[in-house]
Amino acid sequence: MEIARNETEVEPDSLFHRAASFAIYAIIASFILQFVYGQIWLRLSPEVARLLGFIPTIAIISAIPAGFIALCGIPRYGRRKLLWKGLIGMIFPIVLFIFVMFYSAHLRARIIEETQKIEQKK
């Protein structure tokens, strides 16, 4: 005999589920914080701007251990809502970091190239 699942089933309130939700919220918060930082950083002193620039970075990096903690809860609570949140929380920041590193290396090479062109024209 099958037990019918109630559609309004309450999600367990465990550490693993909280970590999974935190991983998603941390990624969203880091994008919002980066947008706000991009709007105000020119109005701040260089020291304060440098310090505030770390806040979005810390937010997105915190999603990695939270995603790992969420994945550790799968054996006990199952894959539902833990697997996708945990994987996104772990993989997305790492992929984004790799993309940023390659893109910044590309920009650095272009800046050096443009600087050399300007110096040759003088």
C-alpha atoms as a PDB file:
ATOM      1  CA  MET A   1       0.000   0.000   0.000  1.00  0.00           C
ATOM      2  CA  GLU A   2       1.417   3.373  -1.020  1.00  0.00           C
ATOM      3  CA  ILE A   3       1.245   6.349   1.229  1.00  0.00           C
ATOM      4  CA  ALA A   4       0.087   9.452  -0.605  1.00  0.00           C
ATOM      5  CA  ARG A   5       2.443  12.377  -0.078  1.00  0.00           C
ATOM      6  CA  ASN A   6       0.934  15.621   0.978  1.00  0.00           C
ATOM      7  CA  GLU A   7       1.796  18.424  -1.456  1.00  0.00           C
ATOM      8  CA  THR A   8       2.335  20.810   1.423  1.00  0.00           C
ATOM      9  CA  GLU A   9       4.972  18.602   3.011  1.00  0.00           C
ATOM     10  CA  VAL A  10       7.114  20.553   5.448  1.00  0.00           C
ATOM     11  CA  GLU A  11      10.821  20.682   4.667  1.00  0.00           C
ATOM     12  CA  PRO A  12      12.994  19.363   7.479  1.00  0.00           C
ATOM     13  CA  ASP A  13      14.651  22.140   9.439  1.00  0.00           C
ATOM     14  CA  SER A  14      18.072  20.572   9.755  1.00  0.00           C
ATOM     15  CA  LEU A  15      21.534  22.063   9.587  1.00  0.00           C
ATOM     16  CA  PHE A  16      21.925  20.538   6.128  1.00  0.00           C
ATOM     17  CA  HIS A  17      18.785  22.183   4.768  1.00  0.00           C
ATOM     18  CA  ARG A  18      19.773  25.514   6.272  1.00  0.00           C
ATOM     19  CA  ALA A  19      23.237  25.216   4.741  1.00  0.00           C
ATOM     20  CA  ALA A  20      21.697  24.402   1.352  1.00  0.00           C
ATOM     21  CA  SER A  21      19.479  27.465   1.510  1.00  0.00           C
ATOM     22  CA  PHE A  22      22.383  29.594   2.708  1.00  0.00           C
ATOM     23  CA  ALA A  23      24.489  28.481  -0.263  1.00  0.00           C
ATOM     24  CA  ILE A  24      21.870  29.772  -2.694  1.00  0.00           C
ATOM     25  CA  TYR A  25      21.232  32.971  -0.733  1.00  0.00           C
ATOM     26  CA  ALA A  26      24.970  33.679  -0.456  1.00  0.00           C
ATOM     27  CA  ILE A  27      25.375  33.529  -4.229  1.00  0.00           C
ATOM     28  CA  ILE A  28      22.413  35.851  -4.792  1.00  0.00           C
ATOM     29  CA  ALA A  29      23.606  38.214  -2.048  1.00  0.00           C
ATOM     30  CA  SER A  30      27.095  38.390  -3.532  1.00  0.00           C
ATOM     31  CA  PHE A  31      25.708  39.565  -6.880  1.00  0.00           C
ATOM     32  CA  ILE A  32      23.516  42.184  -5.178  1.00  0.00           C
ATOM     33  CA  LEU A  33      26.406  43.366  -2.997  1.00  0.00           C
ATOM     34  CA  GLN A  34      28.699  43.556  -6.036  1.00  0.00           C
ATOM     35  CA  PHE A  35      26.120  45.665  -7.887  1.00  0.00           C
ATOM     36  CA  VAL A  36      25.770  48.049  -4.932  1.00  0.00           C
ATOM     37  CA  TYR A  37      29.552  48.196  -4.535  1.00  0.00           C
ATOM     38  CA  GLY A  38      29.917  49.011  -8.234  1.00  0.00           C
ATOM     39  CA  GLN A  39      27.597  51.978  -7.782  1.00  0.00           C
ATOM     40  CA  ILE A  40      29.384  53.525  -4.788  1.00  0.00           C
ATOM     41  CA  TRP A  41      33.071  52.570  -4.956  1.00  0.00           C
ATOM     42  CA  LEU A  42      34.214  55.761  -6.706  1.00  0.00           C
ATOM     43  CA  ARG A  43      32.715  57.878  -3.925  1.00  0.00           C
ATOM     44  CA  LEU A  44      34.755  56.150  -1.231  1.00  0.00           C
ATOM     45  CA  SER A  45      38.351  56.519  -0.160  1.00  0.00           C
ATOM     46  CA  PRO A  46      40.675  53.903  -1.699  1.00  0.00           C
ATOM     47  CA  GLU A  47      41.195  52.068   1.612  1.00  0.00           C
ATOM     48  CA  VAL A  48      37.486  51.799   2.355  1.00  0.00           C
ATOM     49  CA  ALA A  49      36.708  50.819  -1.239  1.00  0.00           C
ATOM     50  CA  ARG A  50      39.303  48.043  -1.078  1.00  0.00           C
ATOM     51  CA  LEU A  51      37.868  46.690   2.167  1.00  0.00           C
ATOM     52  CA  LEU A  52      34.256  46.840   0.948  1.00  0.00           C
ATOM     53  CA  GLY A  53      35.291  45.036  -2.228  1.00  0.00           C
ATOM     54  CA  PHE A  54      36.005  41.914  -0.191  1.00  0.00           C
ATOM     55  CA  ILE A  55      32.442  41.599   1.126  1.00  0.00           C
ATOM     56  CA  PRO A  56      30.893  40.177  -2.103  1.00  0.00           C
ATOM     57  CA  THR A  57      33.899  37.868  -2.441  1.00  0.00           C
ATOM     58  CA  ILE A  58      33.484  36.546   1.082  1.00  0.00           C
ATOM     59  CA  ALA A  59      29.761  36.057   0.475  1.00  0.00           C
ATOM     60  CA  ILE A  60      30.248  33.909  -2.622  1.00  0.00           C
ATOM     61  CA  ILE A  61      33.158  31.947  -1.133  1.00  0.00           C
ATOM     62  CA  SER A  62      31.009  31.104   1.905  1.00  0.00           C
ATOM     63  CA  ALA A  63      28.651  29.251  -0.448  1.00  0.00           C
ATOM     64  CA  ILE A  64      31.294  26.561  -1.086  1.00  0.00           C
ATOM     65  CA  PRO A  65      31.460  25.085   2.450  1.00  0.00           C
ATOM     66  CA  ALA A  66      27.703  25.571   2.835  1.00  0.00           C
ATOM     67  CA  GLY A  67      27.144  23.539  -0.341  1.00  0.00           C
ATOM     68  CA  PHE A  68      29.475  20.843   0.951  1.00  0.00           C
ATOM     69  CA  ILE A  69      27.599  20.676   4.252  1.00  0.00           C
ATOM     70  CA  ALA A  70      24.318  20.391   2.328  1.00  0.00           C
ATOM     71  CA  LEU A  71      25.675  17.481   0.298  1.00  0.00           C
ATOM     72  CA  CYS A  72      26.727  15.731   3.503  1.00  0.00           C
ATOM     73  CA  GLY A  73      23.053  15.606   4.545  1.00  0.00           C
ATOM     74  CA  ILE A  74      21.967  13.537   1.530  1.00  0.00           C
ATOM     75  CA  PRO A  75      22.505  10.125   3.170  1.00  0.00           C
ATOM     76  CA  ARG A  76      20.208  11.071   6.036  1.00  0.00           C
ATOM     77  CA  TYR A  77      17.573  13.281   4.360  1.00  0.00           C
ATOM     78  CA  GLY A  78      17.711  12.213   0.718  1.00  0.00           C
ATOM     79  CA  ARG A  79      18.470  14.169  -2.415  1.00  0.00           C
ATOM     80  CA  ARG A  80      15.359  16.312  -2.417  1.00  0.00           C
ATOM     81  CA  LYS A  81      16.362  19.994  -2.246  1.00  0.00           C
ATOM     82  CA  LEU A  82      19.812  19.139  -0.924  1.00  0.00           C
ATOM     83  CA  LEU A  83      21.473  17.878  -4.090  1.00  0.00           C
ATOM     84  CA  TRP A  84      20.812  20.772  -6.444  1.00  0.00           C
ATOM     85  CA  LYS A  85      21.346  23.470  -3.819  1.00  0.00           C
ATOM     86  CA  GLY A  86      24.532  21.825  -2.605  1.00  0.00           C
ATOM     87  CA  LEU A  87      25.943  21.336  -6.091  1.00  0.00           C
ATOM     88  CA  ILE A  88      25.124  24.871  -7.179  1.00  0.00           C
ATOM     89  CA  GLY A  89      26.575  26.211  -3.947  1.00  0.00           C
ATOM     90  CA  MET A  90      29.831  24.370  -4.551  1.00  0.00           C
ATOM     91  CA  ILE A  91      30.255  24.406  -8.315  1.00  0.00           C
ATOM     92  CA  PHE A  92      29.006  27.873  -9.317  1.00  0.00           C
ATOM     93  CA  PRO A  93      31.512  29.883  -7.218  1.00  0.00           C
ATOM     94  CA  ILE A  94      34.388  27.702  -8.406  1.00  0.00           C
ATOM     95  CA  VAL A  95      33.401  28.014 -12.074  1.00  0.00           C
ATOM     96  CA  LEU A  96      32.909  31.756 -11.642  1.00  0.00           C
ATOM     97  CA  PHE A  97      36.345  32.072 -10.017  1.00  0.00           C
ATOM     98  CA  ILE A  98      38.003  30.191 -12.889  1.00  0.00           C
ATOM     99  CA  PHE A  99      36.206  32.393 -15.424  1.00  0.00           C
ATOM    100  CA  VAL A 100      37.293  35.563 -13.602  1.00  0.00           C
ATOM    101  CA  MET A 101      40.912  34.415 -13.484  1.00  0.00           C
ATOM    102  CA  PHE A 102      41.022  33.682 -17.222  1.00  0.00           C
ATOM    103  CA  TYR A 103      39.201  36.902 -18.079  1.00  0.00           C
ATOM    104  CA  SER A 104      41.467  39.035 -15.877  1.00  0.00           C
ATOM    105  CA  ALA A 105      44.533  37.444 -17.494  1.00  0.00           C
ATOM    106  CA  HIS A 106      43.046  38.265 -20.904  1.00  0.00           C
ATOM    107  CA  LEU A 107      42.382  41.875 -19.862  1.00  0.00           C
ATOM    108  CA  ARG A 108      45.878  42.222 -18.445  1.00  0.00           C
ATOM    109  CA  ALA A 109      47.378  41.025 -21.721  1.00  0.00           C
ATOM    110  CA  ARG A 110      45.242  43.509 -23.677  1.00  0.00           C
ATOM    111  CA  ILE A 111      46.236  46.381 -21.391  1.00  0.00           C
ATOM    112  CA  ILE A 112      49.915  45.547 -21.823  1.00  0.00           C
ATOM    113  CA  GLU A 113      49.431  45.305 -25.586  1.00  0.00           C
ATOM    114  CA  GLU A 114      47.620  48.652 -25.778  1.00  0.00           C
ATOM    115  CA  THR A 115      50.243  50.304 -23.574  1.00  0.00           C
ATOM    116  CA  GLN A 116      53.010  49.064 -25.855  1.00  0.00           C
ATOM    117  CA  LYS A 117      51.158  50.404 -28.905  1.00  0.00           C
ATOM    118  CA  ILE A 118      50.790  53.822 -27.269  1.00  0.00           C
ATOM    119  CA  GLU A 119      54.492  53.875 -26.331  1.00  0.00           C
ATOM    120  CA  GLN A 120      55.533  52.962 -29.895  1.00  0.00           C
ATOM    121  CA  LYS A 121      53.507  55.858 -31.308  1.00  0.00           C
ATOM    122  CA  LYS A 122      55.407  58.377 -29.150  1.00  0.00           C
END
